Amino acid sequence: AINDMGLHFLGKMKIMVVRDIERNEVDFICKTLNCRPIASVDH
């Protein structure tokens, strides 16, 4: 979902990245953080 160049840019922007979130974790994370999954950069 992300290559080394993407990690490099986000790191320079001081944005933390946690990769490989499993599909079965999504519902629990959304409920806990009160957020919604983002399927497109436009959203």
PDB file of all heavy atoms in Angstrom:
ATOM      1  N   ALA A   1       0.823  -1.215   0.000  1.00  0.00           N
ATOM      2  CA  ALA A   1       0.000   0.000   0.000  1.00  0.00           C
ATOM      3  C   ALA A   1       0.852   1.257   0.000  1.00  0.00           C
ATOM      4  O   ALA A   1       0.368   2.332  -0.308  1.00  0.00           O
ATOM      5  CB  ALA A   1      -0.918  -0.006   1.212  1.00  0.00           C
ATOM      6  N   ILE A   2       2.124   1.142   0.365  1.00  0.00           N
ATOM      7  CA  ILE A   2       3.020   2.299   0.395  1.00  0.00           C
ATOM      8  C   ILE A   2       4.427   1.822   0.079  1.00  0.00           C
ATOM      9  O   ILE A   2       4.835   0.728   0.476  1.00  0.00           O
ATOM     10  CB  ILE A   2       2.969   3.004   1.772  1.00  0.00           C
ATOM     11  CG1 ILE A   2       3.760   4.316   1.760  1.00  0.00           C
ATOM     12  CG2 ILE A   2       3.466   2.104   2.882  1.00  0.00           C
ATOM     13  CD1 ILE A   2       3.531   5.183   2.978  1.00  0.00           C
ATOM     14  N   ASN A   3       5.169   2.630  -0.670  1.00  0.00           N
ATOM     15  CA  ASN A   3       6.556   2.269  -0.979  1.00  0.00           C
ATOM     16  C   ASN A   3       7.519   3.145  -0.172  1.00  0.00           C
ATOM     17  O   ASN A   3       7.112   4.000   0.609  1.00  0.00           O
ATOM     18  CB  ASN A   3       6.824   2.383  -2.481  1.00  0.00           C
ATOM     19  CG  ASN A   3       6.615   3.809  -3.003  1.00  0.00           C
ATOM     20  OD1 ASN A   3       6.485   4.759  -2.239  1.00  0.00           O
ATOM     21  ND2 ASN A   3       6.587   3.939  -4.318  1.00  0.00           N
ATOM     22  N   ASP A   4       8.805   2.915  -0.357  1.00  0.00           N
ATOM     23  CA  ASP A   4       9.815   3.639   0.428  1.00  0.00           C
ATOM     24  C   ASP A   4       9.776   5.143   0.182  1.00  0.00           C
ATOM     25  O   ASP A   4      10.037   5.933   1.088  1.00  0.00           O
ATOM     26  CB  ASP A   4      11.215   3.104   0.108  1.00  0.00           C
ATOM     27  CG  ASP A   4      11.435   1.692   0.621  1.00  0.00           C
ATOM     28  OD1 ASP A   4      10.588   1.240   1.415  1.00  0.00           O
ATOM     29  OD2 ASP A   4      12.421   1.046   0.224  1.00  0.00           O
ATOM     30  N   MET A   5       9.430   5.537  -1.004  1.00  0.00           N
ATOM     31  CA  MET A   5       9.371   6.967  -1.313  1.00  0.00           C
ATOM     32  C   MET A   5       8.243   7.640  -0.527  1.00  0.00           C
ATOM     33  O   MET A   5       8.408   8.734   0.022  1.00  0.00           O
ATOM     34  CB  MET A   5       9.174   7.175  -2.817  1.00  0.00           C
ATOM     35  CG  MET A   5       9.370   8.626  -3.261  1.00  0.00           C
ATOM     36  SD  MET A   5       9.135   8.823  -5.042  1.00  0.00           S
ATOM     37  CE  MET A   5      10.463   7.826  -5.691  1.00  0.00           C
ATOM     38  N   GLY A   6       7.078   6.951  -0.442  1.00  0.00           N
ATOM     39  CA  GLY A   6       5.967   7.485   0.338  1.00  0.00           C
ATOM     40  C   GLY A   6       6.329   7.594   1.808  1.00  0.00           C
ATOM     41  O   GLY A   6       6.007   8.596   2.467  1.00  0.00           O
ATOM     42  N   LEU A   7       7.004   6.586   2.334  1.00  0.00           N
ATOM     43  CA  LEU A   7       7.452   6.630   3.737  1.00  0.00           C
ATOM     44  C   LEU A   7       8.437   7.777   3.953  1.00  0.00           C
ATOM     45  O   LEU A   7       8.411   8.445   4.986  1.00  0.00           O
ATOM     46  CB  LEU A   7       8.102   5.300   4.127  1.00  0.00           C
ATOM     47  CG  LEU A   7       7.167   4.105   4.335  1.00  0.00           C
ATOM     48  CD1 LEU A   7       7.979   2.833   4.547  1.00  0.00           C
ATOM     49  CD2 LEU A   7       6.264   4.333   5.537  1.00  0.00           C
ATOM     50  N   HIS A   8       9.301   7.978   2.969  1.00  0.00           N
ATOM     51  CA  HIS A   8      10.295   9.053   3.077  1.00  0.00           C
ATOM     52  C   HIS A   8       9.619  10.425   3.159  1.00  0.00           C
ATOM     53  O   HIS A   8       9.943  11.235   4.046  1.00  0.00           O
ATOM     54  CB  HIS A   8      11.235   8.993   1.869  1.00  0.00           C
ATOM     55  CG  HIS A   8      12.158  10.163   1.764  1.00  0.00           C
ATOM     56  ND1 HIS A   8      13.253  10.337   2.589  1.00  0.00           N
ATOM     57  CD2 HIS A   8      12.127  11.260   0.937  1.00  0.00           C
ATOM     58  CE1 HIS A   8      13.864  11.469   2.273  1.00  0.00           C
ATOM     59  NE2 HIS A   8      13.201  12.042   1.278  1.00  0.00           N
ATOM     60  N   PHE A   9       8.666  10.681   2.269  1.00  0.00           N
ATOM     61  CA  PHE A   9       7.983  11.978   2.262  1.00  0.00           C
ATOM     62  C   PHE A   9       7.199  12.193   3.560  1.00  0.00           C
ATOM     63  O   PHE A   9       7.248  13.286   4.147  1.00  0.00           O
ATOM     64  CB  PHE A   9       7.045  12.082   1.061  1.00  0.00           C
ATOM     65  CG  PHE A   9       7.759  12.273  -0.250  1.00  0.00           C
ATOM     66  CD1 PHE A   9       7.308  11.635  -1.400  1.00  0.00           C
ATOM     67  CD2 PHE A   9       8.870  13.095  -0.339  1.00  0.00           C
ATOM     68  CE1 PHE A   9       7.965  11.813  -2.601  1.00  0.00           C
ATOM     69  CE2 PHE A   9       9.525  13.281  -1.539  1.00  0.00           C
ATOM     70  CZ  PHE A   9       9.079  12.631  -2.680  1.00  0.00           C
ATOM     71  N   LEU A  10       6.456  11.167   3.994  1.00  0.00           N
ATOM     72  CA  LEU A  10       5.671  11.304   5.226  1.00  0.00           C
ATOM     73  C   LEU A  10       6.577  11.485   6.438  1.00  0.00           C
ATOM     74  O   LEU A  10       6.246  12.225   7.363  1.00  0.00           O
ATOM     75  CB  LEU A  10       4.770  10.082   5.404  1.00  0.00           C
ATOM     76  CG  LEU A  10       3.634   9.938   4.377  1.00  0.00           C
ATOM     77  CD1 LEU A  10       2.906   8.609   4.568  1.00  0.00           C
ATOM     78  CD2 LEU A  10       2.652  11.094   4.478  1.00  0.00           C
ATOM     79  N   GLY A  11       7.732  10.812   6.421  1.00  0.00           N
ATOM     80  CA  GLY A  11       8.686  10.988   7.518  1.00  0.00           C
ATOM     81  C   GLY A  11       9.224  12.414   7.572  1.00  0.00           C
ATOM     82  O   GLY A  11       9.362  12.991   8.651  1.00  0.00           O
ATOM     83  N   LYS A  12       9.521  12.991   6.400  1.00  0.00           N
ATOM     84  CA  LYS A  12      10.001  14.375   6.344  1.00  0.00           C
ATOM     85  C   LYS A  12       8.942  15.361   6.834  1.00  0.00           C
ATOM     86  O   LYS A  12       9.273  16.424   7.379  1.00  0.00           O
ATOM     87  CB  LYS A  12      10.390  14.725   4.900  1.00  0.00           C
ATOM     88  CG  LYS A  12      11.671  14.066   4.415  1.00  0.00           C
ATOM     89  CD  LYS A  12      12.895  14.644   5.102  1.00  0.00           C
ATOM     90  CE  LYS A  12      14.176  14.084   4.530  1.00  0.00           C
ATOM     91  NZ  LYS A  12      15.374  14.611   5.250  1.00  0.00           N
ATOM     92  N   MET A  13       7.664  14.979   6.638  1.00  0.00           N
ATOM     93  CA  MET A  13       6.563  15.843   7.083  1.00  0.00           C
ATOM     94  C   MET A  13       6.171  15.580   8.539  1.00  0.00           C
ATOM     95  O   MET A  13       5.179  16.122   9.014  1.00  0.00           O
ATOM     96  CB  MET A  13       5.343  15.624   6.181  1.00  0.00           C
ATOM     97  CG  MET A  13       5.547  16.015   4.735  1.00  0.00           C
ATOM     98  SD  MET A  13       4.113  15.550   3.710  1.00  0.00           S
ATOM     99  CE  MET A  13       4.681  16.056   2.091  1.00  0.00           C
ATOM    100  N   LYS A  14       6.964  14.733   9.231  1.00  0.00           N
ATOM    101  CA  LYS A  14       6.709  14.376  10.642  1.00  0.00           C
ATOM    102  C   LYS A  14       5.345  13.717  10.822  1.00  0.00           C
ATOM    103  O   LYS A  14       4.622  13.983  11.781  1.00  0.00           O
ATOM    104  CB  LYS A  14       6.803  15.613  11.548  1.00  0.00           C
ATOM    105  CG  LYS A  14       8.139  16.348  11.474  1.00  0.00           C
ATOM    106  CD  LYS A  14       9.286  15.460  11.929  1.00  0.00           C
ATOM    107  CE  LYS A  14      10.609  16.219  11.905  1.00  0.00           C
ATOM    108  NZ  LYS A  14      11.767  15.342  12.211  1.00  0.00           N
ATOM    109  N   ILE A  15       4.991  12.872   9.864  1.00  0.00           N
ATOM    110  CA  ILE A  15       3.736  12.121   9.946  1.00  0.00           C
ATOM    111  C   ILE A  15       4.076  10.669  10.275  1.00  0.00           C
ATOM    112  O   ILE A  15       4.846  10.025   9.566  1.00  0.00           O
ATOM    113  CB  ILE A  15       2.947  12.200   8.623  1.00  0.00           C
ATOM    114  CG1 ILE A  15       2.522  13.650   8.346  1.00  0.00           C
ATOM    115  CG2 ILE A  15       1.708  11.286   8.676  1.00  0.00           C
ATOM    116  CD1 ILE A  15       1.856  13.850   7.002  1.00  0.00           C
ATOM    117  N   MET A  16       3.492  10.166  11.361  1.00  0.00           N
ATOM    118  CA  MET A  16       3.731   8.780  11.769  1.00  0.00           C
ATOM    119  C   MET A  16       2.921   7.827  10.897  1.00  0.00           C
ATOM    120  O   MET A  16       1.756   8.088  10.599  1.00  0.00           O
ATOM    121  CB  MET A  16       3.330   8.606  13.240  1.00  0.00           C
ATOM    122  CG  MET A  16       3.530   7.197  13.778  1.00  0.00           C
ATOM    123  SD  MET A  16       2.824   6.992  15.436  1.00  0.00           S
ATOM    124  CE  MET A  16       3.909   8.010  16.412  1.00  0.00           C
ATOM    125  N   VAL A  17       3.542   6.715  10.516  1.00  0.00           N
ATOM    126  CA  VAL A  17       2.878   5.721   9.673  1.00  0.00           C
ATOM    127  C   VAL A  17       2.893   4.363  10.374  1.00  0.00           C
ATOM    128  O   VAL A  17       3.952   3.893  10.808  1.00  0.00           O
ATOM    129  CB  VAL A  17       3.563   5.598   8.294  1.00  0.00           C
ATOM    130  CG1 VAL A  17       2.850   4.547   7.445  1.00  0.00           C
ATOM    131  CG2 VAL A  17       3.592   6.934   7.586  1.00  0.00           C
ATOM    132  N   VAL A  18       1.721   3.756  10.499  1.00  0.00           N
ATOM    133  CA  VAL A  18       1.604   2.382  11.019  1.00  0.00           C
ATOM    134  C   VAL A  18       0.990   1.546   9.904  1.00  0.00           C
ATOM    135  O   VAL A  18      -0.158   1.765   9.514  1.00  0.00           O
ATOM    136  CB  VAL A  18       0.721   2.325  12.284  1.00  0.00           C
ATOM    137  CG1 VAL A  18       0.646   0.888  12.804  1.00  0.00           C
ATOM    138  CG2 VAL A  18       1.270   3.247  13.354  1.00  0.00           C
ATOM    139  N   ARG A  19       1.783   0.614   9.377  1.00  0.00           N
ATOM    140  CA  ARG A  19       1.340  -0.170   8.226  1.00  0.00           C
ATOM    141  C   ARG A  19       0.670  -1.491   8.631  1.00  0.00           C
ATOM    142  O   ARG A  19       0.704  -1.886   9.788  1.00  0.00           O
ATOM    143  CB  ARG A  19       2.544  -0.499   7.334  1.00  0.00           C
ATOM    144  CG  ARG A  19       3.084   0.670   6.571  1.00  0.00           C
ATOM    145  CD  ARG A  19       4.077   0.226   5.539  1.00  0.00           C
ATOM    146  NE  ARG A  19       5.332  -0.243   6.120  1.00  0.00           N
ATOM    147  CZ  ARG A  19       6.385  -0.635   5.405  1.00  0.00           C
ATOM    148  NH1 ARG A  19       6.317  -0.637   4.094  1.00  0.00           N
ATOM    149  NH2 ARG A  19       7.488  -1.039   5.993  1.00  0.00           N
ATOM    150  N   ASP A  20       0.101  -2.142   7.628  1.00  0.00           N
ATOM    151  CA  ASP A  20      -0.406  -3.517   7.724  1.00  0.00           C
ATOM    152  C   ASP A  20      -1.523  -3.692   8.763  1.00  0.00           C
ATOM    153  O   ASP A  20      -1.551  -4.680   9.496  1.00  0.00           O
ATOM    154  CB  ASP A  20       0.733  -4.495   8.021  1.00  0.00           C
ATOM    155  CG  ASP A  20       1.766  -4.536   6.900  1.00  0.00           C
ATOM    156  OD1 ASP A  20       1.390  -4.191   5.770  1.00  0.00           O
ATOM    157  OD2 ASP A  20       2.918  -4.907   7.155  1.00  0.00           O
ATOM    158  N   ILE A  21      -2.403  -2.705   8.852  1.00  0.00           N
ATOM    159  CA  ILE A  21      -3.601  -2.876   9.682  1.00  0.00           C
ATOM    160  C   ILE A  21      -4.486  -3.928   9.009  1.00  0.00           C
ATOM    161  O   ILE A  21      -4.823  -3.813   7.831  1.00  0.00           O
ATOM    162  CB  ILE A  21      -4.376  -1.545   9.817  1.00  0.00           C
ATOM    163  CG1 ILE A  21      -3.479  -0.465  10.467  1.00  0.00           C
ATOM    164  CG2 ILE A  21      -5.657  -1.752  10.613  1.00  0.00           C
ATOM    165  CD1 ILE A  21      -3.068  -0.775  11.880  1.00  0.00           C
ATOM    166  N   GLU A  22      -4.839  -4.975   9.763  1.00  0.00           N
ATOM    167  CA  GLU A  22      -5.633  -6.061   9.191  1.00  0.00           C
ATOM    168  C   GLU A  22      -7.092  -5.630   9.010  1.00  0.00           C
ATOM    169  O   GLU A  22      -7.595  -4.767   9.728  1.00  0.00           O
ATOM    170  CB  GLU A  22      -5.571  -7.295  10.097  1.00  0.00           C
ATOM    171  CG  GLU A  22      -4.179  -7.872  10.276  1.00  0.00           C
ATOM    172  CD  GLU A  22      -3.656  -8.566   9.021  1.00  0.00           C
ATOM    173  OE1 GLU A  22      -4.453  -8.783   8.091  1.00  0.00           O
ATOM    174  OE2 GLU A  22      -2.447  -8.863   8.978  1.00  0.00           O
ATOM    175  N   ARG A  23      -7.757  -6.301   8.079  1.00  0.00           N
ATOM    176  CA  ARG A  23      -9.154  -5.976   7.780  1.00  0.00           C
ATOM    177  C   ARG A  23     -10.054  -6.171   9.013  1.00  0.00           C
ATOM    178  O   ARG A  23     -10.966  -5.386   9.258  1.00  0.00           O
ATOM    179  CB  ARG A  23      -9.652  -6.840   6.617  1.00  0.00           C
ATOM    180  CG  ARG A  23     -11.045  -6.492   6.132  1.00  0.00           C
ATOM    181  CD  ARG A  23     -11.463  -7.439   5.022  1.00  0.00           C
ATOM    182  NE  ARG A  23     -10.614  -7.288   3.854  1.00  0.00           N
ATOM    183  CZ  ARG A  23     -10.829  -6.388   2.889  1.00  0.00           C
ATOM    184  NH1 ARG A  23     -11.853  -5.567   2.977  1.00  0.00           N
ATOM    185  NH2 ARG A  23     -10.028  -6.317   1.847  1.00  0.00           N
ATOM    186  N   ASN A  24      -9.761  -7.237   9.805  1.00  0.00           N
ATOM    187  CA  ASN A  24     -10.617  -7.505  10.967  1.00  0.00           C
ATOM    188  C   ASN A  24     -10.379  -6.531  12.118  1.00  0.00           C
ATOM    189  O   ASN A  24     -11.092  -6.560  13.116  1.00  0.00           O
ATOM    190  CB  ASN A  24     -10.430  -8.949  11.451  1.00  0.00           C
ATOM    191  CG  ASN A  24      -8.979  -9.278  11.795  1.00  0.00           C
ATOM    192  OD1 ASN A  24      -8.127  -8.391  11.834  1.00  0.00           O
ATOM    193  ND2 ASN A  24      -8.690 -10.543  12.027  1.00  0.00           N
ATOM    194  N   GLU A  25      -9.355  -5.666  12.001  1.00  0.00           N
ATOM    195  CA  GLU A  25      -9.097  -4.661  13.031  1.00  0.00           C
ATOM    196  C   GLU A  25      -9.811  -3.346  12.746  1.00  0.00           C
ATOM    197  O   GLU A  25      -9.920  -2.498  13.632  1.00  0.00           O
ATOM    198  CB  GLU A  25      -7.590  -4.378  13.141  1.00  0.00           C
ATOM    199  CG  GLU A  25      -6.738  -5.548  13.583  1.00  0.00           C
ATOM    200  CD  GLU A  25      -5.262  -5.197  13.606  1.00  0.00           C
ATOM    201  OE1 GLU A  25      -4.635  -5.151  12.533  1.00  0.00           O
ATOM    202  OE2 GLU A  25      -4.734  -4.957  14.715  1.00  0.00           O
ATOM    203  N   VAL A  26     -10.288  -3.181  11.530  1.00  0.00           N
ATOM    204  CA  VAL A  26     -10.812  -1.884  11.091  1.00  0.00           C
ATOM    205  C   VAL A  26     -12.014  -1.441  11.926  1.00  0.00           C
ATOM    206  O   VAL A  26     -12.071  -0.292  12.399  1.00  0.00           O
ATOM    207  CB  VAL A  26     -11.164  -1.928   9.593  1.00  0.00           C
ATOM    208  CG1 VAL A  26     -11.932  -0.673   9.181  1.00  0.00           C
ATOM    209  CG2 VAL A  26      -9.911  -2.077   8.758  1.00  0.00           C
ATOM    210  N   ASP A  27     -12.982  -2.320  12.130  1.00  0.00           N
ATOM    211  CA  ASP A  27     -14.194  -1.946  12.866  1.00  0.00           C
ATOM    212  C   ASP A  27     -13.869  -1.506  14.293  1.00  0.00           C
ATOM    213  O   ASP A  27     -14.417  -0.514  14.786  1.00  0.00           O
ATOM    214  CB  ASP A  27     -15.171  -3.120  12.902  1.00  0.00           C
ATOM    215  CG  ASP A  27     -15.813  -3.374  11.544  1.00  0.00           C
ATOM    216  OD1 ASP A  27     -15.775  -2.459  10.713  1.00  0.00           O
ATOM    217  OD2 ASP A  27     -16.340  -4.482  11.329  1.00  0.00           O
ATOM    218  N   PHE A  28     -12.981  -2.271  14.960  1.00  0.00           N
ATOM    219  CA  PHE A  28     -12.630  -1.929  16.340  1.00  0.00           C
ATOM    220  C   PHE A  28     -11.905  -0.581  16.408  1.00  0.00           C
ATOM    221  O   PHE A  28     -12.185   0.245  17.290  1.00  0.00           O
ATOM    222  CB  PHE A  28     -11.742  -3.026  16.939  1.00  0.00           C
ATOM    223  CG  PHE A  28     -11.416  -2.816  18.402  1.00  0.00           C
ATOM    224  CD1 PHE A  28     -12.310  -3.206  19.391  1.00  0.00           C
ATOM    225  CD2 PHE A  28     -10.225  -2.213  18.789  1.00  0.00           C
ATOM    226  CE1 PHE A  28     -12.019  -3.008  20.729  1.00  0.00           C
ATOM    227  CE2 PHE A  28      -9.925  -2.007  20.123  1.00  0.00           C
ATOM    228  CZ  PHE A  28     -10.827  -2.413  21.099  1.00  0.00           C
ATOM    229  N   ILE A  29     -10.993  -0.343  15.466  1.00  0.00           N
ATOM    230  CA  ILE A  29     -10.244   0.923  15.440  1.00  0.00           C
ATOM    231  C   ILE A  29     -11.192   2.098  15.204  1.00  0.00           C
ATOM    232  O   ILE A  29     -11.115   3.124  15.892  1.00  0.00           O
ATOM    233  CB  ILE A  29      -9.146   0.875  14.354  1.00  0.00           C
ATOM    234  CG1 ILE A  29      -8.038  -0.105  14.759  1.00  0.00           C
ATOM    235  CG2 ILE A  29      -8.545   2.261  14.118  1.00  0.00           C
ATOM    236  CD1 ILE A  29      -7.020  -0.386  13.672  1.00  0.00           C
ATOM    237  N   CYS A  30     -12.101   1.946  14.243  1.00  0.00           N
ATOM    238  CA  CYS A  30     -13.045   3.030  13.934  1.00  0.00           C
ATOM    239  C   CYS A  30     -13.948   3.337  15.128  1.00  0.00           C
ATOM    240  O   CYS A  30     -14.224   4.500  15.436  1.00  0.00           O
ATOM    241  CB  CYS A  30     -13.883   2.676  12.716  1.00  0.00           C
ATOM    242  SG  CYS A  30     -12.953   2.665  11.173  1.00  0.00           S
ATOM    243  N   LYS A  31     -14.407   2.276  15.800  1.00  0.00           N
ATOM    244  CA  LYS A  31     -15.287   2.472  16.959  1.00  0.00           C
ATOM    245  C   LYS A  31     -14.534   3.138  18.105  1.00  0.00           C
ATOM    246  O   LYS A  31     -15.076   4.004  18.802  1.00  0.00           O
ATOM    247  CB  LYS A  31     -15.841   1.129  17.408  1.00  0.00           C
ATOM    248  CG  LYS A  31     -16.885   1.242  18.506  1.00  0.00           C
ATOM    249  CD  LYS A  31     -17.548  -0.090  18.795  1.00  0.00           C
ATOM    250  CE  LYS A  31     -18.653   0.063  19.850  1.00  0.00           C
ATOM    251  NZ  LYS A  31     -19.337  -1.219  20.131  1.00  0.00           N
ATOM    252  N   THR A  32     -13.280   2.741  18.300  1.00  0.00           N
ATOM    253  CA  THR A  32     -12.485   3.290  19.398  1.00  0.00           C
ATOM    254  C   THR A  32     -12.118   4.749  19.161  1.00  0.00           C
ATOM    255  O   THR A  32     -12.265   5.598  20.050  1.00  0.00           O
ATOM    256  CB  THR A  32     -11.195   2.465  19.597  1.00  0.00           C
ATOM    257  OG1 THR A  32     -11.541   1.096  19.822  1.00  0.00           O
ATOM    258  CG2 THR A  32     -10.392   2.975  20.785  1.00  0.00           C
ATOM    259  N   LEU A  33     -11.633   5.038  17.959  1.00  0.00           N
ATOM    260  CA  LEU A  33     -11.153   6.391  17.649  1.00  0.00           C
ATOM    261  C   LEU A  33     -12.274   7.326  17.202  1.00  0.00           C
ATOM    262  O   LEU A  33     -12.038   8.523  17.037  1.00  0.00           O
ATOM    263  CB  LEU A  33     -10.088   6.329  16.548  1.00  0.00           C
ATOM    264  CG  LEU A  33      -8.808   5.549  16.869  1.00  0.00           C
ATOM    265  CD1 LEU A  33      -7.894   5.536  15.656  1.00  0.00           C
ATOM    266  CD2 LEU A  33      -8.084   6.177  18.068  1.00  0.00           C
ATOM    267  N   ASN A  34     -13.467   6.774  16.987  1.00  0.00           N
ATOM    268  CA  ASN A  34     -14.592   7.566  16.482  1.00  0.00           C
ATOM    269  C   ASN A  34     -14.221   8.226  15.155  1.00  0.00           C
ATOM    270  O   ASN A  34     -14.448   9.420  14.933  1.00  0.00           O
ATOM    271  CB  ASN A  34     -15.000   8.630  17.510  1.00  0.00           C
ATOM    272  CG  ASN A  34     -16.371   9.212  17.214  1.00  0.00           C
ATOM    273  OD1 ASN A  34     -17.187   8.579  16.546  1.00  0.00           O
ATOM    274  ND2 ASN A  34     -16.624  10.423  17.691  1.00  0.00           N
ATOM    275  N   CYS A  35     -13.621   7.409  14.292  1.00  0.00           N
ATOM    276  CA  CYS A  35     -13.240   7.907  12.968  1.00  0.00           C
ATOM    277  C   CYS A  35     -13.884   7.010  11.908  1.00  0.00           C
ATOM    278  O   CYS A  35     -14.574   6.044  12.230  1.00  0.00           O
ATOM    279  CB  CYS A  35     -11.722   7.919  12.802  1.00  0.00           C
ATOM    280  SG  CYS A  35     -10.970   6.267  12.772  1.00  0.00           S
ATOM    281  N   ARG A  36     -13.621   7.341  10.637  1.00  0.00           N
ATOM    282  CA  ARG A  36     -14.167   6.552   9.537  1.00  0.00           C
ATOM    283  C   ARG A  36     -13.042   6.186   8.584  1.00  0.00           C
ATOM    284  O   ARG A  36     -12.113   6.985   8.365  1.00  0.00           O
ATOM    285  CB  ARG A  36     -15.247   7.337   8.800  1.00  0.00           C
ATOM    286  CG  ARG A  36     -16.473   7.616   9.656  1.00  0.00           C
ATOM    287  CD  ARG A  36     -17.391   8.630   9.010  1.00  0.00           C
ATOM    288  NE  ARG A  36     -17.960   8.143   7.757  1.00  0.00           N
ATOM    289  CZ  ARG A  36     -18.684   8.884   6.924  1.00  0.00           C
ATOM    290  NH1 ARG A  36     -18.925  10.148   7.216  1.00  0.00           N
ATOM    291  NH2 ARG A  36     -19.165   8.370   5.805  1.00  0.00           N
ATOM    292  N   PRO A  37     -13.085   4.986   7.992  1.00  0.00           N
ATOM    293  CA  PRO A  37     -12.033   4.620   7.030  1.00  0.00           C
ATOM    294  C   PRO A  37     -12.110   5.488   5.779  1.00  0.00           C
ATOM    295  O   PRO A  37     -13.199   5.846   5.323  1.00  0.00           O
ATOM    296  CB  PRO A  37     -12.333   3.150   6.716  1.00  0.00           C
ATOM    297  CG  PRO A  37     -13.756   2.947   7.089  1.00  0.00           C
ATOM    298  CD  PRO A  37     -14.067   3.914   8.191  1.00  0.00           C
ATOM    299  N   ILE A  38     -10.949   5.847   5.240  1.00  0.00           N
ATOM    300  CA  ILE A  38     -10.874   6.749   4.093  1.00  0.00           C
ATOM    301  C   ILE A  38     -10.438   5.937   2.879  1.00  0.00           C
ATOM    302  O   ILE A  38      -9.306   5.446   2.820  1.00  0.00           O
ATOM    303  CB  ILE A  38      -9.882   7.898   4.368  1.00  0.00           C
ATOM    304  CG1 ILE A  38     -10.290   8.636   5.648  1.00  0.00           C
ATOM    305  CG2 ILE A  38      -9.818   8.845   3.189  1.00  0.00           C
ATOM    306  CD1 ILE A  38      -9.207   9.503   6.233  1.00  0.00           C
ATOM    307  N   ALA A  39     -11.332   5.800   1.912  1.00  0.00           N
ATOM    308  CA  ALA A  39     -11.072   4.931   0.763  1.00  0.00           C
ATOM    309  C   ALA A  39     -10.427   5.655  -0.404  1.00  0.00           C
ATOM    310  O   ALA A  39      -9.927   5.026  -1.331  1.00  0.00           O
ATOM    311  CB  ALA A  39     -12.369   4.272   0.296  1.00  0.00           C
ATOM    312  N   SER A  40     -10.438   6.993  -0.375  1.00  0.00           N
ATOM    313  CA  SER A  40      -9.867   7.767  -1.475  1.00  0.00           C
ATOM    314  C   SER A  40      -9.244   9.036  -0.925  1.00  0.00           C
ATOM    315  O   SER A  40      -9.724   9.594   0.073  1.00  0.00           O
ATOM    316  CB  SER A  40     -10.947   8.107  -2.499  1.00  0.00           C
ATOM    317  OG  SER A  40     -10.491   9.075  -3.409  1.00  0.00           O
ATOM    318  N   VAL A  41      -8.189   9.489  -1.567  1.00  0.00           N
ATOM    319  CA  VAL A  41      -7.522  10.716  -1.118  1.00  0.00           C
ATOM    320  C   VAL A  41      -8.462  11.921  -1.235  1.00  0.00           C
ATOM    321  O   VAL A  41      -8.320  12.921  -0.505  1.00  0.00           O
ATOM    322  CB  VAL A  41      -6.220  10.940  -1.922  1.00  0.00           C
ATOM    323  CG1 VAL A  41      -6.541  11.285  -3.376  1.00  0.00           C
ATOM    324  CG2 VAL A  41      -5.343  12.009  -1.282  1.00  0.00           C
ATOM    325  N   ASP A  42      -9.452  11.838  -2.123  1.00  0.00           N
ATOM    326  CA  ASP A  42     -10.407  12.940  -2.292  1.00  0.00           C
ATOM    327  C   ASP A  42     -11.342  13.067  -1.087  1.00  0.00           C
ATOM    328  O   ASP A  42     -11.956  14.109  -0.881  1.00  0.00           O
ATOM    329  CB  ASP A  42     -11.249  12.728  -3.555  1.00  0.00           C
ATOM    330  CG  ASP A  42     -10.387  12.731  -4.812  1.00  0.00           C
ATOM    331  OD1 ASP A  42      -9.370  13.448  -4.816  1.00  0.00           O
ATOM    332  OD2 ASP A  42     -10.722  12.012  -5.773  1.00  0.00           O
ATOM    333  N   HIS A  43     -11.492  11.963  -0.303  1.00  0.00           N
ATOM    334  CA  HIS A  43     -12.381  11.981   0.862  1.00  0.00           C
ATOM    335  C   HIS A  43     -11.642  12.342   2.152  1.00  0.00           C
ATOM    336  O   HIS A  43     -12.217  12.269   3.227  1.00  0.00           O
ATOM    337  CB  HIS A  43     -13.042  10.603   1.042  1.00  0.00           C
ATOM    338  CG  HIS A  43     -13.867  10.183  -0.132  1.00  0.00           C
ATOM    339  ND1 HIS A  43     -14.109   8.862  -0.445  1.00  0.00           N
ATOM    340  CD2 HIS A  43     -14.493  10.925  -1.098  1.00  0.00           C
ATOM    341  CE1 HIS A  43     -14.842   8.803  -1.533  1.00  0.00           C
ATOM    342  NE2 HIS A  43     -15.094  10.042  -1.947  1.00  0.00           N
TER     343      HIS A  43
END
